[in-house]
Amino acid sequence: MSESIRALIIIILVMILMGASGIYLMGLLYRRTVKNLFMIFRNAKAFSPETARFLDELPIARRSLLSFSVARDYTPQILQMLIKENIINITEEGRLFLSEEALTGHRLNSLYKKV
């Protein structure tokens, strides 16, 4: 096997390894963000329309234009996904609450139990 073929194989293997580790890291960040959102709603005791909170009342970090972070913040995307899955519900007034009932039997329930 020539040196150029060996080098090409090594480059391809390194690229595959980098891609796999990127996907794994993204999954870890996703799970951490879901757990953080569950903890925020649990600490706010926002479990029903009566105890629901406005987004501004919840300690969800908002990034300023001047802030710099290496890790991407998945909170807005995860929040939208939880709303679409009806795990987080929105009242007519625009308040948010976590539906523990909808979470029962859902694939994310195991993450909720770990919070």
N, C-alpha and C. Protein backbone atom coordinates (compact mmCIF):
# COMPACT_ATOMS: atom_id res chain seq x y z
N MET A 1 0.85 -1.17 0.00
CA MET A 1 0.00 0.00 0.00
C MET A 1 0.90 1.23 0.00
N SER A 2 0.60 2.16 -0.87
CA SER A 2 1.45 3.35 -0.99
C SER A 2 1.18 4.33 0.15
N GLU A 3 2.11 5.24 0.34
CA GLU A 3 2.00 6.25 1.39
C GLU A 3 0.79 7.15 1.19
N SER A 4 0.49 7.50 -0.05
CA SER A 4 -0.64 8.40 -0.31
C SER A 4 -1.97 7.74 0.03
N ILE A 5 -2.09 6.45 -0.22
CA ILE A 5 -3.33 5.73 0.12
C ILE A 5 -3.46 5.62 1.63
N ARG A 6 -2.34 5.34 2.31
CA ARG A 6 -2.35 5.27 3.77
C ARG A 6 -2.76 6.61 4.37
N ALA A 7 -2.21 7.68 3.86
CA ALA A 7 -2.54 9.02 4.36
C ALA A 7 -4.01 9.33 4.12
N LEU A 8 -4.53 8.94 2.96
CA LEU A 8 -5.93 9.17 2.65
C LEU A 8 -6.84 8.39 3.60
N ILE A 9 -6.49 7.16 3.89
CA ILE A 9 -7.28 6.33 4.82
C ILE A 9 -7.27 6.95 6.21
N ILE A 10 -6.12 7.43 6.66
CA ILE A 10 -6.02 8.07 7.97
C ILE A 10 -6.88 9.33 8.02
N ILE A 11 -6.84 10.13 6.97
CA ILE A 11 -7.64 11.36 6.92
C ILE A 11 -9.13 11.02 6.97
N ILE A 12 -9.54 10.01 6.23
CA ILE A 12 -10.95 9.60 6.23
C ILE A 12 -11.37 9.10 7.60
N LEU A 13 -10.53 8.30 8.25
CA LEU A 13 -10.85 7.79 9.58
C LEU A 13 -10.95 8.93 10.60
N VAL A 14 -10.05 9.90 10.52
CA VAL A 14 -10.08 11.04 11.43
C VAL A 14 -11.37 11.85 11.22
N MET A 15 -11.77 12.02 9.96
CA MET A 15 -13.00 12.77 9.68
C MET A 15 -14.23 12.03 10.20
N ILE A 16 -14.25 10.72 10.06
CA ILE A 16 -15.36 9.92 10.59
C ILE A 16 -15.41 10.03 12.11
N LEU A 17 -14.27 9.95 12.75
CA LEU A 17 -14.19 10.07 14.21
C LEU A 17 -14.65 11.45 14.67
N MET A 18 -14.25 12.49 13.97
CA MET A 18 -14.67 13.84 14.33
C MET A 18 -16.18 14.00 14.16
N GLY A 19 -16.73 13.46 13.11
CA GLY A 19 -18.18 13.54 12.89
C GLY A 19 -18.95 12.81 13.97
N ALA A 20 -18.49 11.62 14.32
CA ALA A 20 -19.17 10.83 15.36
C ALA A 20 -19.09 11.52 16.71
N SER A 21 -17.93 12.08 17.04
CA SER A 21 -17.80 12.77 18.33
C SER A 21 -18.64 14.04 18.34
N GLY A 22 -18.80 14.71 17.21
CA GLY A 22 -19.66 15.89 17.13
C GLY A 22 -21.12 15.54 17.38
N ILE A 23 -21.57 14.45 16.79
CA ILE A 23 -22.95 13.99 17.00
C ILE A 23 -23.17 13.60 18.46
N TYR A 24 -22.21 12.93 19.05
CA TYR A 24 -22.31 12.53 20.46
C TYR A 24 -22.37 13.75 21.36
N LEU A 25 -21.51 14.74 21.10
CA LEU A 25 -21.48 15.97 21.90
C LEU A 25 -22.80 16.74 21.76
N MET A 26 -23.35 16.79 20.57
CA MET A 26 -24.62 17.46 20.35
C MET A 26 -25.73 16.78 21.16
N GLY A 27 -25.72 15.47 21.22
CA GLY A 27 -26.69 14.73 22.02
C GLY A 27 -26.56 15.03 23.51
N LEU A 28 -25.33 15.14 23.98
CA LEU A 28 -25.11 15.49 25.39
C LEU A 28 -25.64 16.88 25.69
N LEU A 29 -25.37 17.83 24.81
CA LEU A 29 -25.86 19.20 25.01
C LEU A 29 -27.38 19.24 24.96
N TYR A 30 -27.98 18.47 24.09
CA TYR A 30 -29.44 18.38 23.97
C TYR A 30 -30.04 17.88 25.29
N ARG A 31 -29.51 16.76 25.80
CA ARG A 31 -30.03 16.20 27.05
C ARG A 31 -29.84 17.15 28.22
N ARG A 32 -28.69 17.82 28.27
CA ARG A 32 -28.43 18.77 29.36
C ARG A 32 -29.42 19.94 29.30
N THR A 33 -29.71 20.43 28.11
CA THR A 33 -30.65 21.54 27.96
C THR A 33 -32.06 21.13 28.36
N VAL A 34 -32.49 19.93 27.96
CA VAL A 34 -33.81 19.43 28.35
C VAL A 34 -33.90 19.33 29.87
N LYS A 35 -32.88 18.77 30.52
CA LYS A 35 -32.86 18.65 31.98
C LYS A 35 -32.92 20.03 32.63
N ASN A 36 -32.16 21.00 32.10
CA ASN A 36 -32.16 22.34 32.66
C ASN A 36 -33.54 22.98 32.56
N LEU A 37 -34.20 22.81 31.42
CA LEU A 37 -35.55 23.37 31.28
C LEU A 37 -36.52 22.69 32.24
N PHE A 38 -36.43 21.39 32.40
CA PHE A 38 -37.29 20.69 33.35
C PHE A 38 -37.05 21.23 34.77
N MET A 39 -35.79 21.45 35.12
CA MET A 39 -35.45 21.95 36.45
C MET A 39 -36.00 23.37 36.65
N ILE A 40 -35.92 24.20 35.62
CA ILE A 40 -36.44 25.57 35.71
C ILE A 40 -37.94 25.55 35.99
N PHE A 41 -38.68 24.72 35.25
CA PHE A 41 -40.12 24.65 35.47
C PHE A 41 -40.45 24.01 36.82
N ARG A 42 -39.67 23.03 37.24
CA ARG A 42 -39.90 22.40 38.54
C ARG A 42 -39.65 23.41 39.67
N ASN A 43 -38.54 24.15 39.59
CA ASN A 43 -38.23 25.14 40.62
C ASN A 43 -39.27 26.26 40.67
N ALA A 44 -39.83 26.62 39.51
CA ALA A 44 -40.86 27.66 39.45
C ALA A 44 -42.24 27.11 39.84
N LYS A 45 -42.33 25.80 40.02
CA LYS A 45 -43.58 25.12 40.35
C LYS A 45 -44.67 25.45 39.32
N ALA A 46 -44.27 25.50 38.06
CA ALA A 46 -45.18 25.80 36.96
C ALA A 46 -45.66 24.50 36.33
N PHE A 47 -46.70 23.91 36.92
CA PHE A 47 -47.21 22.61 36.48
C PHE A 47 -48.65 22.64 36.01
N SER A 48 -49.29 23.80 36.06
CA SER A 48 -50.69 23.90 35.67
C SER A 48 -50.96 25.30 35.13
N PRO A 49 -52.09 25.50 34.48
CA PRO A 49 -52.42 26.86 34.00
C PRO A 49 -52.48 27.88 35.13
N GLU A 50 -52.86 27.44 36.33
CA GLU A 50 -52.95 28.36 37.48
C GLU A 50 -51.57 28.79 37.98
N THR A 51 -50.59 27.92 37.85
CA THR A 51 -49.24 28.24 38.34
C THR A 51 -48.26 28.56 37.21
N ALA A 52 -48.79 28.70 36.00
CA ALA A 52 -47.94 28.97 34.83
C ALA A 52 -47.21 30.30 34.98
N ARG A 53 -46.07 30.43 34.30
CA ARG A 53 -45.24 31.63 34.39
C ARG A 53 -45.01 32.19 32.99
N PHE A 54 -44.85 33.52 32.95
CA PHE A 54 -44.43 34.15 31.71
C PHE A 54 -42.97 33.81 31.47
N LEU A 55 -42.54 33.81 30.24
CA LEU A 55 -41.16 33.48 29.88
C LEU A 55 -40.18 34.40 30.61
N ASP A 56 -40.55 35.67 30.76
CA ASP A 56 -39.68 36.62 31.45
C ASP A 56 -39.51 36.30 32.94
N GLU A 57 -40.45 35.57 33.51
CA GLU A 57 -40.37 35.20 34.92
C GLU A 57 -39.49 33.99 35.16
N LEU A 58 -39.18 33.28 34.12
CA LEU A 58 -38.36 32.07 34.26
C LEU A 58 -36.89 32.42 34.05
N PRO A 59 -36.00 31.82 34.82
CA PRO A 59 -34.58 32.14 34.68
C PRO A 59 -33.92 31.43 33.49
N ILE A 60 -34.46 31.72 32.33
CA ILE A 60 -33.87 31.16 31.11
C ILE A 60 -32.92 32.22 30.57
N ALA A 61 -31.65 31.84 30.47
CA ALA A 61 -30.62 32.80 30.06
C ALA A 61 -30.87 33.29 28.65
N ARG A 62 -30.74 34.59 28.50
CA ARG A 62 -30.83 35.19 27.18
C ARG A 62 -29.45 35.72 26.83
N ARG A 63 -29.03 35.44 25.65
CA ARG A 63 -27.69 35.85 25.23
C ARG A 63 -27.73 37.25 24.67
N SER A 64 -26.80 38.05 25.11
CA SER A 64 -26.70 39.39 24.56
C SER A 64 -25.85 39.35 23.30
N LEU A 65 -25.88 40.42 22.55
CA LEU A 65 -25.10 40.48 21.32
C LEU A 65 -23.60 40.46 21.60
N LEU A 66 -23.21 40.91 22.77
CA LEU A 66 -21.79 41.00 23.10
C LEU A 66 -21.25 39.74 23.75
N SER A 67 -22.13 38.84 24.15
CA SER A 67 -21.65 37.62 24.82
C SER A 67 -21.07 36.65 23.80
N PHE A 68 -20.07 35.93 24.25
CA PHE A 68 -19.43 34.94 23.39
C PHE A 68 -19.37 33.64 24.14
N SER A 69 -19.80 32.60 23.50
CA SER A 69 -19.76 31.29 24.11
C SER A 69 -19.31 30.28 23.06
N VAL A 70 -18.49 29.35 23.49
CA VAL A 70 -18.01 28.32 22.58
C VAL A 70 -19.14 27.35 22.26
N ALA A 71 -19.89 26.96 23.29
CA ALA A 71 -20.97 25.99 23.11
C ALA A 71 -22.23 26.71 22.64
N ARG A 72 -22.91 26.11 21.73
CA ARG A 72 -24.15 26.69 21.21
C ARG A 72 -25.26 26.52 22.23
N ASP A 73 -26.12 27.53 22.33
CA ASP A 73 -27.24 27.47 23.26
C ASP A 73 -28.45 26.88 22.52
N TYR A 74 -28.86 25.69 22.93
CA TYR A 74 -29.97 24.99 22.30
C TYR A 74 -31.31 25.30 22.97
N THR A 75 -31.32 26.16 23.98
CA THR A 75 -32.53 26.40 24.75
C THR A 75 -33.73 26.82 23.90
N PRO A 76 -33.60 27.81 23.00
CA PRO A 76 -34.79 28.19 22.21
C PRO A 76 -35.34 27.05 21.35
N GLN A 77 -34.46 26.28 20.74
CA GLN A 77 -34.91 25.17 19.90
C GLN A 77 -35.55 24.07 20.75
N ILE A 78 -34.96 23.76 21.89
CA ILE A 78 -35.50 22.71 22.76
C ILE A 78 -36.84 23.16 23.33
N LEU A 79 -36.95 24.43 23.71
CA LEU A 79 -38.21 24.95 24.23
C LEU A 79 -39.31 24.84 23.17
N GLN A 80 -39.00 25.19 21.95
CA GLN A 80 -39.99 25.06 20.86
C GLN A 80 -40.38 23.59 20.64
N MET A 81 -39.40 22.70 20.71
CA MET A 81 -39.69 21.27 20.53
C MET A 81 -40.60 20.76 21.65
N LEU A 82 -40.34 21.19 22.90
CA LEU A 82 -41.18 20.77 24.02
C LEU A 82 -42.59 21.33 23.90
N ILE A 83 -42.73 22.52 23.34
CA ILE A 83 -44.05 23.10 23.11
C ILE A 83 -44.78 22.30 22.04
N LYS A 84 -44.09 21.95 20.95
CA LYS A 84 -44.71 21.17 19.88
C LYS A 84 -45.13 19.79 20.37
N GLU A 85 -44.37 19.22 21.30
CA GLU A 85 -44.69 17.89 21.84
C GLU A 85 -45.73 17.97 22.96
N ASN A 86 -46.23 19.17 23.24
CA ASN A 86 -47.22 19.43 24.30
C ASN A 86 -46.73 19.07 25.69
N ILE A 87 -45.44 19.06 25.88
CA ILE A 87 -44.87 18.85 27.20
C ILE A 87 -44.88 20.17 27.95
N ILE A 88 -44.57 21.23 27.24
CA ILE A 88 -44.73 22.58 27.79
C ILE A 88 -45.92 23.19 27.06
N ASN A 89 -46.88 23.65 27.84
CA ASN A 89 -48.09 24.23 27.29
C ASN A 89 -48.10 25.74 27.51
N ILE A 90 -48.85 26.43 26.66
CA ILE A 90 -48.97 27.88 26.74
C ILE A 90 -50.42 28.22 27.00
N THR A 91 -50.67 29.05 28.01
CA THR A 91 -52.03 29.48 28.31
C THR A 91 -52.44 30.59 27.34
N GLU A 92 -53.70 30.99 27.39
CA GLU A 92 -54.19 32.06 26.52
C GLU A 92 -53.47 33.38 26.79
N GLU A 93 -53.02 33.57 28.03
CA GLU A 93 -52.31 34.81 28.37
C GLU A 93 -50.84 34.77 27.96
N GLY A 94 -50.37 33.60 27.50
CA GLY A 94 -48.98 33.47 27.09
C GLY A 94 -48.06 32.95 28.17
N ARG A 95 -48.64 32.40 29.22
CA ARG A 95 -47.83 31.81 30.29
C ARG A 95 -47.48 30.37 29.94
N LEU A 96 -46.37 29.91 30.46
CA LEU A 96 -45.88 28.57 30.17
C LEU A 96 -45.96 27.68 31.41
N PHE A 97 -46.27 26.42 31.19
CA PHE A 97 -46.20 25.45 32.28
C PHE A 97 -45.84 24.08 31.73
N LEU A 98 -45.23 23.28 32.58
CA LEU A 98 -44.80 21.93 32.24
C LEU A 98 -45.93 20.96 32.57
N SER A 99 -46.35 20.20 31.58
CA SER A 99 -47.41 19.22 31.78
C SER A 99 -46.77 17.88 32.15
N GLU A 100 -46.80 17.58 33.44
CA GLU A 100 -46.26 16.29 33.88
C GLU A 100 -47.10 15.14 33.34
N GLU A 101 -48.38 15.40 33.12
CA GLU A 101 -49.28 14.40 32.57
C GLU A 101 -48.84 13.99 31.15
N ALA A 102 -48.50 14.99 30.32
CA ALA A 102 -48.07 14.71 28.96
C ALA A 102 -46.71 14.02 28.95
N LEU A 103 -45.93 14.26 29.97
CA LEU A 103 -44.59 13.68 30.06
C LEU A 103 -44.64 12.20 30.41
N THR A 104 -45.70 11.78 31.08
CA THR A 104 -45.84 10.37 31.45
C THR A 104 -45.90 9.52 30.19
N GLY A 105 -45.03 8.57 30.09
CA GLY A 105 -44.99 7.69 28.93
C GLY A 105 -44.22 8.24 27.76
N HIS A 106 -43.75 9.48 27.86
CA HIS A 106 -42.98 10.10 26.77
C HIS A 106 -41.52 9.67 26.89
N ARG A 107 -40.81 9.68 25.78
CA ARG A 107 -39.41 9.26 25.78
C ARG A 107 -38.53 10.16 26.65
N LEU A 108 -38.96 11.40 26.89
CA LEU A 108 -38.18 12.33 27.71
C LEU A 108 -38.46 12.18 29.20
N ASN A 109 -39.39 11.31 29.57
CA ASN A 109 -39.74 11.13 30.97
C ASN A 109 -38.55 10.66 31.79
N SER A 110 -37.67 9.88 31.20
CA SER A 110 -36.50 9.39 31.94
C SER A 110 -35.57 10.56 32.30
N LEU A 111 -35.48 11.56 31.44
CA LEU A 111 -34.67 12.74 31.77
C LEU A 111 -35.33 13.55 32.87
N TYR A 112 -36.65 13.61 32.86
CA TYR A 112 -37.37 14.36 33.89
C TYR A 112 -37.17 13.72 35.26
N LYS A 113 -37.16 12.41 35.30
CA LYS A 113 -36.98 11.70 36.58
C LYS A 113 -35.58 11.92 37.15
N LYS A 114 -34.61 12.24 36.29
CA LYS A 114 -33.23 12.45 36.76
C LYS A 114 -33.00 13.85 37.29
N VAL A 115 -33.98 14.74 37.11
CA VAL A 115 -33.81 16.12 37.57
C VAL A 115 -34.01 16.19 39.05
